[in-house]
Protein backbone atom coordinates (compact mmCIF):
# COMPACT_ATOMS: atom_id res chain seq x y z
CA MET A 1 46.28 95.41 255.21
CA MET A 2 47.45 91.72 255.53
CA MET A 3 50.54 93.19 256.38
CA ILE A 4 49.47 95.24 258.99
CA ASN A 5 47.61 92.53 260.81
CA GLU A 6 51.20 90.05 260.11
CA MET A 7 53.09 92.54 261.53
CA ALA A 8 50.72 93.43 264.71
CA GLN A 9 50.72 89.90 265.06
CA ALA A 10 54.05 89.18 264.88
CA ALA A 11 55.00 91.46 267.40
CA LYS A 12 52.16 90.48 269.95
CA ASN A 13 53.43 87.07 269.71
CA ASN A 14 57.04 88.17 270.28
CA ASN A 15 56.12 90.62 273.27
CA VAL A 16 57.37 93.33 271.57
CA MET A 17 54.68 95.60 272.23
CA SER A 18 52.69 96.80 275.27
CA GLY A 19 49.27 96.61 275.81
CA GLU A 20 48.69 100.46 275.03
CA GLU A 21 51.19 99.98 272.26
CA ARG A 22 48.72 97.05 270.53
CA LYS A 23 45.94 99.58 271.18
CA LYS A 24 46.95 102.21 268.95
CA ALA A 25 48.59 99.60 266.08
CA ILE A 26 45.01 97.86 266.18
CA ASN A 27 43.38 101.65 265.95
CA SER A 28 45.61 102.61 263.31
CA GLU A 29 45.38 100.10 261.10
CA GLU A 30 41.11 100.63 261.32
CA GLY A 31 41.68 104.08 260.17
CA LEU A 32 43.79 103.30 257.31
CA SER A 33 41.94 100.64 256.42
CA GLN A 34 38.79 102.90 256.19
CA THR A 35 41.06 105.49 254.12
CA PHE A 36 41.90 103.20 251.49
CA GLN A 37 38.07 102.27 251.00
CA LYS A 38 37.20 105.94 251.29
CA ILE A 39 39.45 106.19 248.07
CA PHE A 40 38.52 103.08 246.36
CA LYS A 41 34.76 103.54 246.69
CA THR A 42 35.30 107.45 245.39
CA ALA A 43 37.23 106.33 242.31
CA GLU A 44 34.70 103.81 241.70
CA GLN A 45 31.83 105.73 241.85
CA ASN A 46 33.63 108.81 240.10
CA LEU A 47 34.62 106.06 237.26
CA GLN A 48 30.92 104.99 237.38
CA ILE A 49 29.65 108.39 237.02
CA ALA A 50 32.18 109.33 233.93
CA ASP A 51 31.20 105.78 232.18
CA GLU A 52 27.18 107.28 232.58
CA MET A 53 27.90 110.39 231.17
CA ILE A 54 30.00 109.33 227.99
CA LEU A 55 27.48 106.22 227.39
CA LYS A 56 24.57 109.19 227.31
CA ALA A 57 26.65 111.48 224.69
CA ASN A 58 27.06 108.36 222.95
CA THR A 59 23.25 107.65 222.94
CA GLY A 60 21.95 111.24 221.66
CA ASP A 61 21.05 112.26 225.43
CA SER A 62 21.20 115.79 226.29
CA VAL A 63 25.04 116.07 228.40
CA SER A 64 26.79 119.28 228.73
CA ILE A 65 30.41 119.03 227.48
CA HIS A 66 31.59 120.56 230.01
CA GLU A 67 29.84 118.21 232.87
CA LEU A 68 31.18 115.50 230.74
CA MET A 69 34.75 116.49 230.98
CA ILE A 70 34.52 117.68 234.78
CA ALA A 71 33.16 114.25 235.51
CA MET A 72 36.09 112.33 233.16
CA GLU A 73 38.88 114.69 234.98
CA LYS A 74 37.11 113.67 238.56
CA ALA A 75 37.54 109.71 237.47
CA ASP A 76 40.92 110.31 235.91
CA ILE A 77 42.17 112.09 238.85
CA SER A 78 40.56 109.46 241.24
CA LEU A 79 42.10 106.72 239.46
CA ARG A 80 45.48 108.44 239.69
CA LEU A 81 45.34 109.05 243.46
CA MET A 82 44.24 105.02 244.66
CA VAL A 83 47.45 104.56 242.10
CA GLN A 84 49.90 106.50 243.82
CA VAL A 85 48.39 105.39 247.48
CA ARG A 86 49.27 101.78 246.13
CA ASN A 87 52.50 102.37 245.05
CA LYS A 88 53.26 104.41 248.57
CA ALA A 89 51.79 101.26 250.30
CA ILE A 90 53.66 98.93 248.28
CA GLU A 91 57.05 100.83 248.88
CA ALA A 92 56.49 101.26 252.53
CA TYR A 93 55.87 97.31 252.82
CA GLN A 94 59.05 96.68 250.95
CA GLU A 95 60.84 98.74 253.08
CA ILE A 96 59.67 97.12 256.62
CA MET A 97 60.37 94.13 254.62
CA ARG A 98 64.72 95.36 254.16
CA MET A 99 64.58 96.11 257.90
CA GLN A 100 66.72 93.61 260.10
CA VAL A 101 65.11 92.47 263.15
C-alpha cells in the first residue's frame, strides 16, 4: 500500500497525472486497500474458528468431525489465497521497479 502512495506522490510531484487521473488513482487505491483488508480479516477469522474447533475437539466437547474438517479447509484456503495475493502484489511492485522512467 505504501508503494501506491509513493507512486501517486511521485507522479503528483512531477505533474505527470492530470487531476482526473489522480482522483482515479486515489479511488483505486482505496478499493485495493479495502480488498486487502477483507482478505486478511477473512483469513484471520477462518483461522480463529478452526483453532477454536480444534481446541473443543481436543478438550472433549462435542464437535462434528465434518464441521471441524470444513473449518480447517476454509482456514487453509483463506491462508493460501492471502499468500497468493501477497505474492502477486510483490511481483507487481518488482515489475514497476524494473520499468525505466
